[in-house]
């Protein structure tokens, strides 16, 4: 499947240089994750999804350990499942 570029790509690239954390929100199934994964190609940014129930459990019960296991910079997909991470 061919990747469809998004106008938001330039904004995301700019703000990730200026801020340590960027939250991308929007409707389901519009390509947020696809865009972010495309933008992180060729970088050292890691990826983890909280759709993985084991990862979600660690993120919720021990956010500090989760962030030790997944060192920044990192793309955390479905982060809304572990709001406990936001305080860290």
PDB file of N, CA and C in Angstrom:
ATOM      1  N   UNK A   1       0.842  -1.170   0.000  1.00  0.00           N
ATOM      2  CA  UNK A   1       0.000   0.000   0.000  1.00  0.00           C
ATOM      3  C   UNK A   1       0.895   1.244   0.000  1.00  0.00           C
ATOM      4  N   UNK A   2       0.571   2.223  -0.809  1.00  0.00           N
ATOM      5  CA  UNK A   2       1.349   3.447  -0.925  1.00  0.00           C
ATOM      6  C   UNK A   2       1.048   4.368   0.250  1.00  0.00           C
ATOM      7  N   UNK A   3       2.110   4.927   0.823  1.00  0.00           N
ATOM      8  CA  UNK A   3       1.956   5.864   1.931  1.00  0.00           C
ATOM      9  C   UNK A   3       1.396   7.193   1.414  1.00  0.00           C
ATOM     10  N   UNK A   4       0.447   7.749   2.133  1.00  0.00           N
ATOM     11  CA  UNK A   4      -0.144   9.040   1.790  1.00  0.00           C
ATOM     12  C   UNK A   4       0.445  10.090   2.728  1.00  0.00           C
ATOM     13  N   UNK A   5       1.192  11.037   2.162  1.00  0.00           N
ATOM     14  CA  UNK A   5       1.767  12.104   2.984  1.00  0.00           C
ATOM     15  C   UNK A   5       0.660  12.949   3.588  1.00  0.00           C
ATOM     16  N   UNK A   6       0.947  13.489   4.774  1.00  0.00           N
ATOM     17  CA  UNK A   6      -0.030  14.312   5.473  1.00  0.00           C
ATOM     18  C   UNK A   6       0.542  15.704   5.710  1.00  0.00           C
ATOM     19  N   UNK A   7      -0.301  16.707   5.664  1.00  0.00           N
ATOM     20  CA  UNK A   7       0.130  18.082   5.908  1.00  0.00           C
ATOM     21  C   UNK A   7       0.725  18.253   7.303  1.00  0.00           C
ATOM     22  N   UNK A   8       0.279  17.453   8.245  1.00  0.00           N
ATOM     23  CA  UNK A   8       0.720  17.560   9.633  1.00  0.00           C
ATOM     24  C   UNK A   8       2.182  17.127   9.826  1.00  0.00           C
ATOM     25  N   UNK A   9       2.755  16.438   8.863  1.00  0.00           N
ATOM     26  CA  UNK A   9       4.135  15.937   9.003  1.00  0.00           C
ATOM     27  C   UNK A   9       5.121  17.051   9.319  1.00  0.00           C
ATOM     28  N   UNK A  10       5.040  18.179   8.628  1.00  0.00           N
ATOM     29  CA  UNK A  10       5.971  19.287   8.867  1.00  0.00           C
ATOM     30  C   UNK A  10       5.827  19.836  10.278  1.00  0.00           C
ATOM     31  N   UNK A  11       4.603  19.928  10.754  1.00  0.00           N
ATOM     32  CA  UNK A  11       4.359  20.419  12.110  1.00  0.00           C
ATOM     33  C   UNK A  11       4.969  19.453  13.132  1.00  0.00           C
ATOM     34  N   UNK A  12       4.731  18.177  12.964  1.00  0.00           N
ATOM     35  CA  UNK A  12       5.263  17.179  13.897  1.00  0.00           C
ATOM     36  C   UNK A  12       6.786  17.207  13.886  1.00  0.00           C
ATOM     37  N   UNK A  13       7.389  17.270  12.718  1.00  0.00           N
ATOM     38  CA  UNK A  13       8.853  17.332  12.636  1.00  0.00           C
ATOM     39  C   UNK A  13       9.399  18.552  13.366  1.00  0.00           C
ATOM     40  N   UNK A  14       8.727  19.680  13.253  1.00  0.00           N
ATOM     41  CA  UNK A  14       9.203  20.902  13.906  1.00  0.00           C
ATOM     42  C   UNK A  14       9.038  20.823  15.423  1.00  0.00           C
ATOM     43  N   UNK A  15       7.859  20.443  15.898  1.00  0.00           N
ATOM     44  CA  UNK A  15       7.629  20.465  17.351  1.00  0.00           C
ATOM     45  C   UNK A  15       8.433  19.398  18.081  1.00  0.00           C
ATOM     46  N   UNK A  16       8.777  18.301  17.416  1.00  0.00           N
ATOM     47  CA  UNK A  16       9.596  17.294  18.093  1.00  0.00           C
ATOM     48  C   UNK A  16      11.022  17.791  18.309  1.00  0.00           C
ATOM     49  N   UNK A  17      11.418  18.827  17.593  1.00  0.00           N
ATOM     50  CA  UNK A  17      12.731  19.447  17.820  1.00  0.00           C
ATOM     51  C   UNK A  17      12.680  20.418  18.992  1.00  0.00           C
ATOM     52  N   UNK A  18      11.498  20.935  19.279  1.00  0.00           N
ATOM     53  CA  UNK A  18      11.341  21.969  20.298  1.00  0.00           C
ATOM     54  C   UNK A  18      10.842  21.456  21.650  1.00  0.00           C
ATOM     55  N   UNK A  19      10.116  20.348  21.645  1.00  0.00           N
ATOM     56  CA  UNK A  19       9.494  19.850  22.877  1.00  0.00           C
ATOM     57  C   UNK A  19       9.889  18.395  23.112  1.00  0.00           C
ATOM     58  N   UNK A  20      10.086  18.008  24.387  1.00  0.00           N
ATOM     59  CA  UNK A  20      10.473  16.627  24.673  1.00  0.00           C
ATOM     60  C   UNK A  20       9.333  15.620  24.500  1.00  0.00           C
ATOM     61  N   UNK A  21       8.085  16.101  24.571  1.00  0.00           N
ATOM     62  CA  UNK A  21       6.928  15.216  24.445  1.00  0.00           C
ATOM     63  C   UNK A  21       5.913  15.868  23.514  1.00  0.00           C
ATOM     64  N   UNK A  22       5.389  15.075  22.593  1.00  0.00           N
ATOM     65  CA  UNK A  22       4.352  15.547  21.684  1.00  0.00           C
ATOM     66  C   UNK A  22       3.232  14.515  21.690  1.00  0.00           C
ATOM     67  N   UNK A  23       2.013  14.963  21.870  1.00  0.00           N
ATOM     68  CA  UNK A  23       0.854  14.085  21.861  1.00  0.00           C
ATOM     69  C   UNK A  23       0.055  14.348  20.590  1.00  0.00           C
ATOM     70  N   UNK A  24      -0.157  13.308  19.815  1.00  0.00           N
ATOM     71  CA  UNK A  24      -0.956  13.421  18.595  1.00  0.00           C
ATOM     72  C   UNK A  24      -2.281  12.713  18.850  1.00  0.00           C
ATOM     73  N   UNK A  25      -3.367  13.461  18.744  1.00  0.00           N
ATOM     74  CA  UNK A  25      -4.690  12.889  18.955  1.00  0.00           C
ATOM     75  C   UNK A  25      -5.549  13.122  17.718  1.00  0.00           C
ATOM     76  N   UNK A  26      -6.610  12.367  17.625  1.00  0.00           N
ATOM     77  CA  UNK A  26      -7.532  12.524  16.515  1.00  0.00           C
ATOM     78  C   UNK A  26      -8.448  11.323  16.420  1.00  0.00           C
ATOM     79  N   UNK A  27      -9.340  11.338  15.442  1.00  0.00           N
ATOM     80  CA  UNK A  27     -10.283  10.236  15.263  1.00  0.00           C
ATOM     81  C   UNK A  27      -9.558   8.918  14.983  1.00  0.00           C
ATOM     82  N   UNK A  28     -10.266   7.847  15.206  1.00  0.00           N
ATOM     83  CA  UNK A  28      -9.716   6.512  14.948  1.00  0.00           C
ATOM     84  C   UNK A  28      -9.514   6.295  13.450  1.00  0.00           C
ATOM     85  N   UNK A  29      -8.481   5.515  13.148  1.00  0.00           N
ATOM     86  CA  UNK A  29      -8.254   5.027  11.790  1.00  0.00           C
ATOM     87  C   UNK A  29      -8.026   6.120  10.738  1.00  0.00           C
ATOM     88  N   UNK A  30      -7.355   7.226  11.142  1.00  0.00           N
ATOM     89  CA  UNK A  30      -7.072   8.276  10.161  1.00  0.00           C
ATOM     90  C   UNK A  30      -5.605   8.320   9.753  1.00  0.00           C
ATOM     91  N   UNK A  31      -4.772   7.469  10.384  1.00  0.00           N
ATOM     92  CA  UNK A  31      -3.372   7.385   9.975  1.00  0.00           C
ATOM     93  C   UNK A  31      -2.377   8.034  10.917  1.00  0.00           C
ATOM     94  N   UNK A  32      -2.762   8.288  12.165  1.00  0.00           N
ATOM     95  CA  UNK A  32      -1.838   8.904  13.121  1.00  0.00           C
ATOM     96  C   UNK A  32      -0.613   8.034  13.325  1.00  0.00           C
ATOM     97  N   UNK A  33      -0.817   6.776  13.637  1.00  0.00           N
ATOM     98  CA  UNK A  33       0.304   5.864  13.877  1.00  0.00           C
ATOM     99  C   UNK A  33       1.116   5.655  12.614  1.00  0.00           C
ATOM    100  N   UNK A  34       0.460   5.483  11.500  1.00  0.00           N
ATOM    101  CA  UNK A  34       1.161   5.292  10.232  1.00  0.00           C
ATOM    102  C   UNK A  34       2.071   6.477   9.940  1.00  0.00           C
ATOM    103  N   UNK A  35       1.548   7.688  10.133  1.00  0.00           N
ATOM    104  CA  UNK A  35       2.350   8.888   9.892  1.00  0.00           C
ATOM    105  C   UNK A  35       3.552   8.938  10.833  1.00  0.00           C
ATOM    106  N   UNK A  36       3.328   8.696  12.108  1.00  0.00           N
ATOM    107  CA  UNK A  36       4.421   8.770  13.075  1.00  0.00           C
ATOM    108  C   UNK A  36       5.474   7.698  12.822  1.00  0.00           C
ATOM    109  N   UNK A  37       5.049   6.494  12.464  1.00  0.00           N
ATOM    110  CA  UNK A  37       6.009   5.445  12.143  1.00  0.00           C
ATOM    111  C   UNK A  37       6.814   5.813  10.904  1.00  0.00           C
ATOM    112  N   UNK A  38       6.180   6.424   9.927  1.00  0.00           N
ATOM    113  CA  UNK A  38       6.886   6.866   8.724  1.00  0.00           C
ATOM    114  C   UNK A  38       7.919   7.934   9.079  1.00  0.00           C
ATOM    115  N   UNK A  39       7.538   8.878   9.925  1.00  0.00           N
ATOM    116  CA  UNK A  39       8.444   9.952  10.316  1.00  0.00           C
ATOM    117  C   UNK A  39       9.625   9.458  11.140  1.00  0.00           C
ATOM    118  N   UNK A  40       9.450   8.349  11.846  1.00  0.00           N
ATOM    119  CA  UNK A  40      10.544   7.857  12.687  1.00  0.00           C
ATOM    120  C   UNK A  40      11.488   6.911  11.942  1.00  0.00           C
ATOM    121  N   UNK A  41      11.192   6.604  10.678  1.00  0.00           N
ATOM    122  CA  UNK A  41      12.084   5.751   9.897  1.00  0.00           C
ATOM    123  C   UNK A  41      13.464   6.407   9.816  1.00  0.00           C
ATOM    124  N   UNK A  42      14.495   5.617  10.041  1.00  0.00           N
ATOM    125  CA  UNK A  42      15.858   6.134   9.961  1.00  0.00           C
ATOM    126  C   UNK A  42      16.302   6.905  11.190  1.00  0.00           C
ATOM    127  N   UNK A  43      15.483   6.906  12.246  1.00  0.00           N
ATOM    128  CA  UNK A  43      15.860   7.578  13.495  1.00  0.00           C
ATOM    129  C   UNK A  43      16.136   6.512  14.550  1.00  0.00           C
ATOM    130  N   UNK A  44      16.551   6.959  15.714  1.00  0.00           N
ATOM    131  CA  UNK A  44      16.805   6.039  16.827  1.00  0.00           C
ATOM    132  C   UNK A  44      15.589   5.913  17.742  1.00  0.00           C
ATOM    133  N   UNK A  45      14.472   6.492  17.315  1.00  0.00           N
ATOM    134  CA  UNK A  45      13.263   6.457  18.133  1.00  0.00           C
ATOM    135  C   UNK A  45      12.708   5.037  18.199  1.00  0.00           C
ATOM    136  N   UNK A  46      12.429   4.586  19.417  1.00  0.00           N
ATOM    137  CA  UNK A  46      11.833   3.276  19.610  1.00  0.00           C
ATOM    138  C   UNK A  46      10.321   3.324  19.442  1.00  0.00           C
ATOM    139  N   UNK A  47       9.701   2.158  19.440  1.00  0.00           N
ATOM    140  CA  UNK A  47       8.244   2.061  19.287  1.00  0.00           C
ATOM    141  C   UNK A  47       7.721   0.989  20.224  1.00  0.00           C
ATOM    142  N   UNK A  48       6.647   1.308  20.913  1.00  0.00           N
ATOM    143  CA  UNK A  48       5.939   0.332  21.729  1.00  0.00           C
ATOM    144  C   UNK A  48       4.454   0.671  21.661  1.00  0.00           C
ATOM    145  N   UNK A  49       3.630  -0.363  21.620  1.00  0.00           N
ATOM    146  CA  UNK A  49       2.188  -0.133  21.614  1.00  0.00           C
ATOM    147  C   UNK A  49       1.566  -0.688  22.893  1.00  0.00           C
ATOM    148  N   UNK A  50       0.660   0.059  23.444  1.00  0.00           N
ATOM    149  CA  UNK A  50      -0.049  -0.407  24.638  1.00  0.00           C
ATOM    150  C   UNK A  50      -1.249  -1.262  24.281  1.00  0.00           C
ATOM    151  N   UNK A  51      -1.383  -1.606  23.004  1.00  0.00           N
ATOM    152  CA  UNK A  51      -2.305  -2.677  22.620  1.00  0.00           C
ATOM    153  C   UNK A  51      -1.767  -4.009  23.120  1.00  0.00           C
ATOM    154  N   UNK A  52      -0.446  -4.083  23.317  1.00  0.00           N
ATOM    155  CA  UNK A  52       0.194  -5.265  23.909  1.00  0.00           C
ATOM    156  C   UNK A  52      -0.149  -5.255  25.402  1.00  0.00           C
ATOM    157  N   UNK A  53      -0.909  -6.227  25.842  1.00  0.00           N
ATOM    158  CA  UNK A  53      -1.408  -6.230  27.218  1.00  0.00           C
ATOM    159  C   UNK A  53      -0.297  -6.314  28.258  1.00  0.00           C
ATOM    160  N   UNK A  54       0.798  -6.979  27.950  1.00  0.00           N
ATOM    161  CA  UNK A  54       1.925  -7.028  28.891  1.00  0.00           C
ATOM    162  C   UNK A  54       2.555  -5.648  29.049  1.00  0.00           C
ATOM    163  N   UNK A  55       2.763  -4.965  27.933  1.00  0.00           N
ATOM    164  CA  UNK A  55       3.315  -3.605  27.991  1.00  0.00           C
ATOM    165  C   UNK A  55       2.358  -2.674  28.724  1.00  0.00           C
ATOM    166  N   UNK A  56       1.081  -2.811  28.444  1.00  0.00           N
ATOM    167  CA  UNK A  56       0.078  -1.972  29.104  1.00  0.00           C
ATOM    168  C   UNK A  56       0.094  -2.185  30.610  1.00  0.00           C
ATOM    169  N   UNK A  57       0.185  -3.433  31.037  1.00  0.00           N
ATOM    170  CA  UNK A  57       0.211  -3.747  32.468  1.00  0.00           C
ATOM    171  C   UNK A  57       1.407  -3.072  33.151  1.00  0.00           C
ATOM    172  N   UNK A  58       2.578  -3.185  32.547  1.00  0.00           N
ATOM    173  CA  UNK A  58       3.773  -2.550  33.130  1.00  0.00           C
ATOM    174  C   UNK A  58       3.595  -1.034  33.175  1.00  0.00           C
ATOM    175  N   UNK A  59       3.097  -0.460  32.087  1.00  0.00           N
ATOM    176  CA  UNK A  59       2.914   0.990  32.029  1.00  0.00           C
ATOM    177  C   UNK A  59       1.954   1.473  33.115  1.00  0.00           C
ATOM    178  N   UNK A  60       0.904   0.713  33.369  1.00  0.00           N
ATOM    179  CA  UNK A  60      -0.091   1.109  34.354  1.00  0.00           C
ATOM    180  C   UNK A  60       0.368   0.871  35.787  1.00  0.00           C
ATOM    181  N   UNK A  61       1.042  -0.241  36.026  1.00  0.00           N
ATOM    182  CA  UNK A  61       1.387  -0.607  37.398  1.00  0.00           C
ATOM    183  C   UNK A  61       2.751  -0.087  37.834  1.00  0.00           C
ATOM    184  N   UNK A  62       3.656   0.132  36.876  1.00  0.00           N
ATOM    185  CA  UNK A  62       4.994   0.626  37.219  1.00  0.00           C
ATOM    186  C   UNK A  62       5.513   1.510  36.081  1.00  0.00           C
ATOM    187  N   UNK A  63       4.968   2.728  35.981  1.00  0.00           N
ATOM    188  CA  UNK A  63       5.368   3.614  34.885  1.00  0.00           C
ATOM    189  C   UNK A  63       6.872   3.891  34.855  1.00  0.00           C
ATOM    190  N   UNK A  64       7.483   3.977  36.031  1.00  0.00           N
ATOM    191  CA  UNK A  64       8.928   4.224  36.079  1.00  0.00           C
ATOM    192  C   UNK A  64       9.697   3.081  35.430  1.00  0.00           C
ATOM    193  N   UNK A  65       9.337   1.847  35.730  1.00  0.00           N
ATOM    194  CA  UNK A  65       9.976   0.688  35.109  1.00  0.00           C
ATOM    195  C   UNK A  65       9.734   0.687  33.601  1.00  0.00           C
ATOM    196  N   UNK A  66       8.513   0.991  33.195  1.00  0.00           N
ATOM    197  CA  UNK A  66       8.183   1.034  31.776  1.00  0.00           C
ATOM    198  C   UNK A  66       9.129   1.974  31.030  1.00  0.00           C
ATOM    199  N   UNK A  67       9.357   3.165  31.601  1.00  0.00           N
ATOM    200  CA  UNK A  67      10.222   4.142  30.949  1.00  0.00           C
ATOM    201  C   UNK A  67      11.701   3.773  31.060  1.00  0.00           C
ATOM    202  N   UNK A  68      12.055   2.935  32.007  1.00  0.00           N
ATOM    203  CA  UNK A  68      13.428   2.415  32.056  1.00  0.00           C
ATOM    204  C   UNK A  68      13.624   1.353  30.977  1.00  0.00           C
ATOM    205  N   UNK A  69      12.588   0.555  30.741  1.00  0.00           N
ATOM    206  CA  UNK A  69      12.668  -0.485  29.709  1.00  0.00           C
ATOM    207  C   UNK A  69      12.616   0.110  28.307  1.00  0.00           C
ATOM    208  N   UNK A  70      11.896   1.197  28.151  1.00  0.00           N
ATOM    209  CA  UNK A  70      11.710   1.844  26.845  1.00  0.00           C
ATOM    210  C   UNK A  70      12.259   3.265  26.934  1.00  0.00           C
ATOM    211  N   UNK A  71      13.555   3.377  26.711  1.00  0.00           N
ATOM    212  CA  UNK A  71      14.242   4.659  26.846  1.00  0.00           C
ATOM    213  C   UNK A  71      13.817   5.638  25.749  1.00  0.00           C
ATOM    214  N   UNK A  72      13.632   6.890  26.120  1.00  0.00           N
ATOM    215  CA  UNK A  72      13.365   7.915  25.113  1.00  0.00           C
ATOM    216  C   UNK A  72      14.578   8.078  24.186  1.00  0.00           C
ATOM    217  N   UNK A  73      14.360   8.525  22.972  1.00  0.00           N
ATOM    218  CA  UNK A  73      13.064   8.908  22.412  1.00  0.00           C
ATOM    219  C   UNK A  73      12.257   7.678  22.013  1.00  0.00           C
ATOM    220  N   UNK A  74      10.962   7.746  22.243  1.00  0.00           N
ATOM    221  CA  UNK A  74      10.097   6.595  21.988  1.00  0.00           C
ATOM    222  C   UNK A  74       8.714   7.059  21.518  1.00  0.00           C
ATOM    223  N   UNK A  75       8.141   6.291  20.642  1.00  0.00           N
ATOM    224  CA  UNK A  75       6.754   6.481  20.209  1.00  0.00           C
ATOM    225  C   UNK A  75       5.922   5.477  20.992  1.00  0.00           C
ATOM    226  N   UNK A  76       5.027   5.983  21.831  1.00  0.00           N
ATOM    227  CA  UNK A  76       4.144   5.116  22.618  1.00  0.00           C
ATOM    228  C   UNK A  76       2.764   5.190  21.980  1.00  0.00           C
ATOM    229  N   UNK A  77       2.392   4.124  21.324  1.00  0.00           N
ATOM    230  CA  UNK A  77       1.098   4.063  20.644  1.00  0.00           C
ATOM    231  C   UNK A  77       0.024   3.626  21.635  1.00  0.00           C
ATOM    232  N   UNK A  78      -1.155   4.201  21.526  1.00  0.00           N
ATOM    233  CA  UNK A  78      -2.303   3.904  22.392  1.00  0.00           C
ATOM    234  C   UNK A  78      -2.016   4.265  23.855  1.00  0.00           C
ATOM    235  N   UNK A  79      -1.294   5.362  24.060  1.00  0.00           N
ATOM    236  CA  UNK A  79      -0.892   5.783  25.401  1.00  0.00           C
ATOM    237  C   UNK A  79      -2.090   6.099  26.300  1.00  0.00           C
ATOM    238  N   UNK A  80      -3.241   6.347  25.715  1.00  0.00           N
ATOM    239  CA  UNK A  80      -4.426   6.646  26.523  1.00  0.00           C
ATOM    240  C   UNK A  80      -4.800   5.480  27.433  1.00  0.00           C
ATOM    241  N   UNK A  81      -4.310   4.281  27.136  1.00  0.00           N
ATOM    242  CA  UNK A  81      -4.612   3.122  27.988  1.00  0.00           C
ATOM    243  C   UNK A  81      -3.832   3.139  29.303  1.00  0.00           C
ATOM    244  N   UNK A  82      -2.813   4.008  29.396  1.00  0.00           N
ATOM    245  CA  UNK A  82      -2.016   4.079  30.624  1.00  0.00           C
ATOM    246  C   UNK A  82      -1.782   5.544  31.000  1.00  0.00           C
ATOM    247  N   UNK A  83      -2.815   6.218  31.447  1.00  0.00           N
ATOM    248  CA  UNK A  83      -2.645   7.636  31.825  1.00  0.00           C
ATOM    249  C   UNK A  83      -1.626   7.821  32.947  1.00  0.00           C
ATOM    250  N   UNK A  84      -1.306   6.751  33.643  1.00  0.00           N
ATOM    251  CA  UNK A  84      -0.300   6.818  34.701  1.00  0.00           C
ATOM    252  C   UNK A  84       1.051   7.303  34.174  1.00  0.00           C
ATOM    253  N   UNK A  85       1.313   7.091  32.891  1.00  0.00           N
ATOM    254  CA  UNK A  85       2.590   7.513  32.291  1.00  0.00           C
ATOM    255  C   UNK A  85       2.716   9.032  32.227  1.00  0.00           C
ATOM    256  N   UNK A  86       1.608   9.743  32.144  1.00  0.00           N
ATOM    257  CA  UNK A  86       1.670  11.185  31.924  1.00  0.00           C
ATOM    258  C   UNK A  86       2.373  11.927  33.041  1.00  0.00           C
ATOM    259  N   UNK A  87       2.262  11.458  34.263  1.00  0.00           N
ATOM    260  CA  UNK A  87       2.934  12.146  35.382  1.00  0.00           C
ATOM    261  C   UNK A  87       4.449  11.936  35.346  1.00  0.00           C
ATOM    262  N   UNK A  88       4.898  10.912  34.634  1.00  0.00           N
ATOM    263  CA  UNK A  88       6.327  10.640  34.536  1.00  0.00           C
ATOM    264  C   UNK A  88       6.928  11.348  33.348  1.00  0.00           C
TER     265      UNK A  88
END
